[in-house]
N, C-alpha and C. Protein backbone atom coordinates (compact mmCIF):
# COMPACT_ATOMS: atom_id res chain seq x y z
N MET A 1 41.27 -16.83 34.32
CA MET A 1 41.70 -15.46 34.45
C MET A 1 43.20 -15.41 34.22
N GLY A 2 43.75 -14.25 34.31
CA GLY A 2 45.17 -14.06 34.10
C GLY A 2 45.38 -12.82 33.25
N MET A 3 46.59 -12.64 32.86
CA MET A 3 46.91 -11.48 32.03
C MET A 3 46.25 -11.64 30.66
N ILE A 4 45.88 -10.53 30.08
CA ILE A 4 45.35 -10.53 28.72
C ILE A 4 46.49 -10.89 27.77
N ASP A 5 46.23 -11.79 26.84
CA ASP A 5 47.24 -12.19 25.86
C ASP A 5 47.32 -11.13 24.77
N VAL A 6 48.44 -10.42 24.72
CA VAL A 6 48.63 -9.38 23.70
C VAL A 6 49.58 -9.85 22.61
N GLY A 7 49.87 -11.16 22.59
CA GLY A 7 50.85 -11.71 21.66
C GLY A 7 50.57 -11.43 20.20
N GLU A 8 49.30 -11.37 19.82
CA GLU A 8 48.94 -11.17 18.42
C GLU A 8 48.74 -9.69 18.07
N LYS A 9 48.79 -8.83 19.06
CA LYS A 9 48.58 -7.40 18.79
C LYS A 9 49.85 -6.80 18.19
N PRO A 10 49.70 -5.81 17.32
CA PRO A 10 50.89 -5.18 16.72
C PRO A 10 51.55 -4.21 17.70
N VAL A 11 52.84 -4.04 17.52
CA VAL A 11 53.58 -3.02 18.27
C VAL A 11 53.33 -1.68 17.60
N ILE A 12 52.75 -0.75 18.34
CA ILE A 12 52.47 0.58 17.79
C ILE A 12 52.84 1.64 18.82
N HIS A 13 52.86 2.87 18.38
CA HIS A 13 53.14 4.01 19.26
C HIS A 13 52.03 4.15 20.29
N ARG A 14 52.41 4.26 21.56
CA ARG A 14 51.45 4.45 22.65
C ARG A 14 51.89 5.65 23.47
N LYS A 15 50.92 6.42 23.93
CA LYS A 15 51.22 7.61 24.70
C LYS A 15 50.08 7.86 25.68
N ALA A 16 50.43 8.23 26.91
CA ALA A 16 49.42 8.59 27.89
C ALA A 16 49.95 9.73 28.75
N GLU A 17 49.05 10.67 29.07
CA GLU A 17 49.40 11.77 29.96
C GLU A 17 48.39 11.80 31.10
N THR A 18 48.91 11.89 32.32
CA THR A 18 48.08 11.90 33.51
C THR A 18 48.37 13.14 34.34
N THR A 19 47.48 13.41 35.27
CA THR A 19 47.66 14.55 36.17
C THR A 19 47.10 14.21 37.53
N GLY A 20 47.51 14.97 38.51
CA GLY A 20 46.98 14.88 39.86
C GLY A 20 47.49 16.08 40.64
N THR A 21 46.85 16.35 41.77
CA THR A 21 47.18 17.54 42.55
C THR A 21 47.32 17.18 44.02
N ILE A 22 48.31 17.78 44.66
CA ILE A 22 48.45 17.68 46.11
C ILE A 22 48.21 19.07 46.69
N TYR A 23 47.33 19.15 47.67
CA TYR A 23 47.05 20.41 48.35
C TYR A 23 47.87 20.47 49.63
N LEU A 24 48.57 21.58 49.80
CA LEU A 24 49.47 21.80 50.92
C LEU A 24 49.20 23.17 51.52
N SER A 25 49.71 23.40 52.72
CA SER A 25 49.57 24.72 53.33
C SER A 25 50.42 25.74 52.57
N SER A 26 50.02 26.99 52.65
CA SER A 26 50.81 28.04 51.99
C SER A 26 52.21 28.12 52.60
N LYS A 27 52.34 27.81 53.89
CA LYS A 27 53.66 27.80 54.53
C LYS A 27 54.56 26.74 53.90
N THR A 28 54.00 25.55 53.66
CA THR A 28 54.77 24.49 53.02
C THR A 28 55.20 24.89 51.62
N ILE A 29 54.28 25.47 50.86
CA ILE A 29 54.61 25.94 49.50
C ILE A 29 55.74 26.96 49.56
N GLU A 30 55.68 27.87 50.51
CA GLU A 30 56.75 28.88 50.67
C GLU A 30 58.09 28.21 50.96
N GLU A 31 58.08 27.19 51.80
CA GLU A 31 59.32 26.48 52.14
C GLU A 31 59.87 25.72 50.91
N ILE A 32 58.99 25.14 50.13
CA ILE A 32 59.42 24.47 48.89
C ILE A 32 60.05 25.49 47.96
N ASN A 33 59.36 26.61 47.73
CA ASN A 33 59.86 27.64 46.82
C ASN A 33 61.18 28.24 47.29
N ALA A 34 61.38 28.29 48.60
CA ALA A 34 62.62 28.86 49.15
C ALA A 34 63.75 27.84 49.23
N GLY A 35 63.46 26.59 48.89
CA GLY A 35 64.49 25.56 48.93
C GLY A 35 64.88 25.14 50.34
N ARG A 36 63.91 25.19 51.27
CA ARG A 36 64.23 24.90 52.67
C ARG A 36 63.62 23.59 53.18
N ILE A 37 63.33 22.65 52.31
CA ILE A 37 62.79 21.37 52.75
C ILE A 37 63.95 20.49 53.23
N LYS A 38 63.81 19.94 54.43
CA LYS A 38 64.90 19.19 55.08
C LYS A 38 65.45 18.05 54.22
N LYS A 39 64.56 17.34 53.53
CA LYS A 39 64.98 16.17 52.75
C LYS A 39 65.48 16.53 51.35
N GLY A 40 65.46 17.81 50.99
CA GLY A 40 65.90 18.22 49.66
C GLY A 40 64.75 18.79 48.85
N ASN A 41 64.97 18.95 47.57
CA ASN A 41 63.96 19.51 46.67
C ASN A 41 62.93 18.44 46.33
N PRO A 42 61.70 18.57 46.86
CA PRO A 42 60.72 17.51 46.63
C PRO A 42 60.32 17.34 45.16
N LEU A 43 60.39 18.39 44.38
CA LEU A 43 60.01 18.25 42.97
C LEU A 43 61.05 17.47 42.19
N GLN A 44 62.31 17.68 42.48
CA GLN A 44 63.36 16.90 41.81
C GLN A 44 63.28 15.44 42.20
N VAL A 45 63.11 15.19 43.48
CA VAL A 45 63.01 13.80 43.94
C VAL A 45 61.75 13.15 43.37
N ALA A 46 60.64 13.86 43.37
CA ALA A 46 59.38 13.32 42.84
C ALA A 46 59.49 12.99 41.35
N GLU A 47 60.24 13.79 40.61
CA GLU A 47 60.44 13.49 39.19
C GLU A 47 61.16 12.16 39.02
N ILE A 48 62.19 11.94 39.79
CA ILE A 48 62.96 10.70 39.71
C ILE A 48 62.11 9.50 40.15
N THR A 49 61.38 9.67 41.24
CA THR A 49 60.56 8.54 41.71
C THR A 49 59.43 8.22 40.74
N ALA A 50 58.88 9.23 40.08
CA ALA A 50 57.82 8.99 39.10
C ALA A 50 58.36 8.18 37.92
N MET A 51 59.54 8.53 37.45
CA MET A 51 60.14 7.79 36.34
C MET A 51 60.39 6.34 36.74
N ASN A 52 60.95 6.16 37.92
CA ASN A 52 61.23 4.82 38.42
C ASN A 52 59.94 4.01 38.59
N ALA A 53 58.93 4.63 39.16
CA ALA A 53 57.66 3.94 39.39
C ALA A 53 56.99 3.52 38.08
N ALA A 54 56.99 4.42 37.11
CA ALA A 54 56.36 4.09 35.82
C ALA A 54 57.03 2.87 35.20
N LYS A 55 58.35 2.79 35.31
CA LYS A 55 59.08 1.65 34.74
C LYS A 55 58.81 0.36 35.49
N GLN A 56 58.34 0.45 36.73
CA GLN A 56 58.11 -0.74 37.55
C GLN A 56 56.62 -1.06 37.73
N THR A 57 55.78 -0.46 36.94
CA THR A 57 54.33 -0.66 37.09
C THR A 57 53.95 -2.13 37.05
N HIS A 58 54.58 -2.89 36.18
CA HIS A 58 54.24 -4.32 36.06
C HIS A 58 54.54 -5.10 37.35
N LEU A 59 55.42 -4.58 38.19
CA LEU A 59 55.71 -5.23 39.47
C LEU A 59 54.68 -4.87 40.53
N LEU A 60 53.97 -3.75 40.34
CA LEU A 60 53.01 -3.26 41.31
C LEU A 60 51.58 -3.68 41.01
N ILE A 61 51.24 -3.75 39.74
CA ILE A 61 49.87 -4.07 39.32
C ILE A 61 49.95 -5.38 38.52
N PRO A 62 49.45 -6.47 39.09
CA PRO A 62 49.68 -7.80 38.54
C PRO A 62 49.26 -8.01 37.09
N HIS A 63 48.20 -7.35 36.64
CA HIS A 63 47.73 -7.59 35.27
C HIS A 63 48.42 -6.72 34.23
N CYS A 64 49.32 -5.88 34.65
CA CYS A 64 50.06 -5.03 33.70
C CYS A 64 51.23 -5.80 33.10
N HIS A 65 51.43 -5.61 31.81
CA HIS A 65 52.56 -6.21 31.12
C HIS A 65 53.81 -5.38 31.34
N GLN A 66 54.95 -6.02 31.25
CA GLN A 66 56.21 -5.30 31.30
C GLN A 66 56.41 -4.64 29.94
N ILE A 67 56.49 -3.32 29.94
CA ILE A 67 56.58 -2.56 28.69
C ILE A 67 57.89 -1.78 28.69
N PRO A 68 58.69 -1.92 27.64
CA PRO A 68 59.89 -1.06 27.55
C PRO A 68 59.45 0.37 27.18
N LEU A 69 59.66 1.30 28.08
CA LEU A 69 59.20 2.66 27.86
C LEU A 69 60.23 3.47 27.10
N ASP A 70 59.76 4.28 26.15
CA ASP A 70 60.64 5.17 25.40
C ASP A 70 60.98 6.40 26.21
N THR A 71 59.99 6.92 26.94
CA THR A 71 60.22 8.11 27.75
C THR A 71 59.18 8.21 28.85
N VAL A 72 59.62 8.81 29.95
CA VAL A 72 58.73 9.20 31.04
C VAL A 72 59.15 10.61 31.41
N SER A 73 58.23 11.55 31.33
CA SER A 73 58.56 12.92 31.73
C SER A 73 57.52 13.41 32.73
N VAL A 74 58.00 14.22 33.66
CA VAL A 74 57.16 14.73 34.73
C VAL A 74 57.33 16.23 34.81
N ALA A 75 56.22 16.94 34.97
CA ALA A 75 56.26 18.40 35.12
C ALA A 75 55.38 18.79 36.29
N PHE A 76 55.73 19.90 36.92
CA PHE A 76 54.99 20.38 38.08
C PHE A 76 54.59 21.83 37.89
N GLN A 77 53.38 22.14 38.37
CA GLN A 77 52.89 23.52 38.40
C GLN A 77 52.59 23.84 39.86
N VAL A 78 53.36 24.78 40.42
CA VAL A 78 53.20 25.13 41.82
C VAL A 78 52.32 26.37 41.93
N SER A 79 51.28 26.29 42.76
CA SER A 79 50.45 27.46 43.05
C SER A 79 50.54 27.75 44.54
N GLU A 80 49.76 28.69 45.04
CA GLU A 80 49.91 29.10 46.44
C GLU A 80 49.43 28.06 47.44
N ASP A 81 48.57 27.12 47.01
CA ASP A 81 48.09 26.11 47.95
C ASP A 81 48.15 24.68 47.41
N SER A 82 48.81 24.48 46.26
CA SER A 82 48.84 23.14 45.69
C SER A 82 49.98 23.00 44.69
N ILE A 83 50.24 21.74 44.36
CA ILE A 83 51.18 21.40 43.29
C ILE A 83 50.48 20.41 42.39
N GLU A 84 50.39 20.76 41.10
CA GLU A 84 49.85 19.83 40.11
C GLU A 84 51.02 19.11 39.46
N ALA A 85 50.92 17.79 39.37
CA ALA A 85 51.93 17.00 38.67
C ALA A 85 51.31 16.44 37.40
N ARG A 86 52.12 16.39 36.36
CA ARG A 86 51.72 15.75 35.11
C ARG A 86 52.79 14.74 34.73
N CYS A 87 52.35 13.58 34.27
CA CYS A 87 53.28 12.53 33.87
C CYS A 87 52.92 12.09 32.45
N LEU A 88 53.92 12.12 31.57
CA LEU A 88 53.76 11.70 30.18
C LEU A 88 54.62 10.46 29.95
N VAL A 89 54.00 9.42 29.41
CA VAL A 89 54.71 8.18 29.13
C VAL A 89 54.50 7.82 27.66
N LYS A 90 55.59 7.42 27.00
CA LYS A 90 55.53 6.99 25.60
C LYS A 90 56.25 5.65 25.46
N ALA A 91 55.73 4.82 24.54
CA ALA A 91 56.35 3.53 24.27
C ALA A 91 55.94 3.05 22.89
N GLN A 92 56.71 2.14 22.36
CA GLN A 92 56.33 1.35 21.19
C GLN A 92 55.95 0.00 21.78
N ALA A 93 54.65 -0.31 21.83
CA ALA A 93 54.22 -1.49 22.57
C ALA A 93 52.94 -2.09 22.00
N LYS A 94 52.59 -3.26 22.54
CA LYS A 94 51.37 -3.96 22.14
C LYS A 94 50.19 -3.58 23.01
N THR A 95 50.44 -2.85 24.08
CA THR A 95 49.38 -2.46 25.01
C THR A 95 49.66 -1.05 25.52
N GLY A 96 48.62 -0.40 26.02
CA GLY A 96 48.72 1.00 26.40
C GLY A 96 49.56 1.27 27.63
N VAL A 97 49.87 2.54 27.83
CA VAL A 97 50.77 2.95 28.90
C VAL A 97 50.08 3.87 29.91
N GLU A 98 48.74 3.85 29.94
CA GLU A 98 48.06 4.73 30.88
C GLU A 98 48.30 4.32 32.33
N MET A 99 48.41 3.02 32.61
CA MET A 99 48.68 2.61 33.99
C MET A 99 50.07 3.08 34.43
N GLU A 100 51.03 3.03 33.53
CA GLU A 100 52.37 3.51 33.86
C GLU A 100 52.35 5.00 34.18
N ALA A 101 51.59 5.76 33.41
CA ALA A 101 51.49 7.20 33.66
C ALA A 101 50.73 7.48 34.95
N LEU A 102 49.70 6.70 35.25
CA LEU A 102 48.95 6.88 36.50
C LEU A 102 49.82 6.53 37.72
N VAL A 103 50.57 5.46 37.63
CA VAL A 103 51.47 5.09 38.72
C VAL A 103 52.54 6.17 38.88
N GLY A 104 53.06 6.67 37.79
CA GLY A 104 54.08 7.71 37.86
C GLY A 104 53.59 8.96 38.56
N VAL A 105 52.43 9.46 38.17
CA VAL A 105 51.92 10.69 38.79
C VAL A 105 51.54 10.46 40.24
N SER A 106 51.00 9.29 40.55
CA SER A 106 50.62 8.98 41.93
C SER A 106 51.84 8.93 42.85
N VAL A 107 52.88 8.27 42.40
CA VAL A 107 54.09 8.17 43.22
C VAL A 107 54.78 9.53 43.34
N ALA A 108 54.73 10.35 42.30
CA ALA A 108 55.29 11.70 42.39
C ALA A 108 54.60 12.49 43.50
N LEU A 109 53.28 12.44 43.53
CA LEU A 109 52.53 13.18 44.55
C LEU A 109 52.76 12.62 45.95
N ASN A 110 52.84 11.31 46.07
CA ASN A 110 53.14 10.71 47.37
C ASN A 110 54.54 11.06 47.84
N THR A 111 55.46 11.19 46.92
CA THR A 111 56.83 11.59 47.28
C THR A 111 56.85 13.01 47.82
N VAL A 112 56.13 13.91 47.18
CA VAL A 112 56.04 15.28 47.69
C VAL A 112 55.49 15.25 49.11
N TRP A 113 54.40 14.52 49.32
CA TRP A 113 53.80 14.43 50.65
C TRP A 113 54.82 13.93 51.68
N ASP A 114 55.53 12.86 51.34
CA ASP A 114 56.51 12.30 52.26
C ASP A 114 57.59 13.32 52.64
N MET A 115 58.00 14.10 51.68
CA MET A 115 59.10 15.04 51.93
C MET A 115 58.70 16.27 52.71
N VAL A 116 57.40 16.59 52.74
CA VAL A 116 56.95 17.79 53.45
C VAL A 116 56.03 17.47 54.62
N LYS A 117 55.87 16.22 54.95
CA LYS A 117 54.88 15.83 55.97
C LYS A 117 55.16 16.47 57.32
N TYR A 118 56.42 16.72 57.66
CA TYR A 118 56.73 17.34 58.94
C TYR A 118 56.18 18.76 59.03
N LEU A 119 55.98 19.40 57.90
CA LEU A 119 55.39 20.74 57.86
C LEU A 119 53.86 20.71 57.84
N GLU A 120 53.31 19.62 57.38
CA GLU A 120 51.86 19.52 57.19
C GLU A 120 51.11 19.01 58.42
N LYS A 121 51.80 18.33 59.33
CA LYS A 121 51.14 17.75 60.50
C LYS A 121 50.64 18.85 61.45
N ASP A 122 49.47 18.58 62.06
CA ASP A 122 48.97 19.49 63.09
C ASP A 122 49.51 19.06 64.46
N GLU A 123 49.02 19.68 65.53
CA GLU A 123 49.50 19.41 66.88
C GLU A 123 49.29 17.95 67.30
N GLN A 124 48.29 17.30 66.72
CA GLN A 124 48.00 15.89 67.04
C GLN A 124 48.70 14.92 66.07
N GLY A 125 49.54 15.45 65.20
CA GLY A 125 50.24 14.59 64.24
C GLY A 125 49.39 14.15 63.06
N GLN A 126 48.28 14.85 62.84
CA GLN A 126 47.36 14.50 61.75
C GLN A 126 47.55 15.46 60.57
N TYR A 127 46.93 15.12 59.47
CA TYR A 127 46.99 15.92 58.23
C TYR A 127 45.59 16.42 57.88
N PRO A 128 45.09 17.43 58.57
CA PRO A 128 43.70 17.84 58.37
C PRO A 128 43.41 18.44 56.99
N ASP A 129 44.40 19.04 56.36
CA ASP A 129 44.14 19.72 55.08
C ASP A 129 44.94 19.16 53.91
N THR A 130 45.95 18.37 54.17
CA THR A 130 46.77 17.80 53.11
C THR A 130 45.96 16.73 52.38
N ARG A 131 45.95 16.79 51.05
CA ARG A 131 45.22 15.78 50.30
C ARG A 131 45.73 15.71 48.86
N ILE A 132 45.61 14.54 48.31
CA ILE A 132 45.93 14.29 46.90
C ILE A 132 44.59 14.05 46.20
N THR A 133 44.37 14.77 45.11
CA THR A 133 43.08 14.69 44.42
C THR A 133 43.26 14.66 42.91
N ASP A 134 42.16 14.35 42.27
CA ASP A 134 42.01 14.52 40.82
C ASP A 134 43.06 13.79 39.99
N ILE A 135 43.47 12.61 40.43
CA ILE A 135 44.37 11.80 39.60
C ILE A 135 43.54 11.24 38.46
N ARG A 136 43.98 11.51 37.25
CA ARG A 136 43.20 11.08 36.09
C ARG A 136 44.06 11.04 34.83
N VAL A 137 43.54 10.36 33.83
CA VAL A 137 44.18 10.33 32.51
C VAL A 137 43.67 11.53 31.73
N LEU A 138 44.58 12.38 31.32
CA LEU A 138 44.23 13.53 30.49
C LEU A 138 44.06 13.13 29.03
N LYS A 139 44.95 12.24 28.58
CA LYS A 139 44.92 11.86 27.17
C LYS A 139 45.62 10.52 27.00
N LYS A 140 45.04 9.70 26.12
CA LYS A 140 45.63 8.42 25.74
C LYS A 140 45.61 8.36 24.22
N GLU A 141 46.75 8.03 23.64
CA GLU A 141 46.83 7.95 22.18
C GLU A 141 47.50 6.64 21.77
N LYS A 142 47.10 6.16 20.60
CA LYS A 142 47.80 5.02 20.02
C LYS A 142 47.79 5.16 18.51
N GLY A 143 48.81 4.60 17.90
CA GLY A 143 48.94 4.69 16.46
C GLY A 143 49.89 5.81 16.08
N ASP A 144 49.73 6.35 14.90
CA ASP A 144 50.61 7.41 14.40
C ASP A 144 50.31 8.72 15.11
N SER A 145 51.28 9.20 15.89
CA SER A 145 51.12 10.48 16.54
C SER A 145 52.47 11.02 16.95
């Protein structure tokens, strides 16, 4: 076992886009929209952490190769009870970048949760309604695109 040998594979354009959603209370969404989160703007911080996480995927998932990424971009869609995150990763590489995009979107959503958890806890310190769902690859491309 071990890492897959990609030494003989050609370097080609690789692209992956992922998405995921965090469900939050409407009160928390209002506080985010009003800029009143104690730790700062969770969407700005989540964007930075997603970029950092995507670049470090090979350190987190043992079978992933270290890939020099051309770009990592993150976008958020805020609704009244949730925030959808999308992460787009591009590289010129011998192997795909879907794991980098999945790690990026996952860490973005976890960052949002961390920054608003004080608003989401109930009287017992639990998170009865907060959840991260539907993390998935929307699109994976390779070759000329």
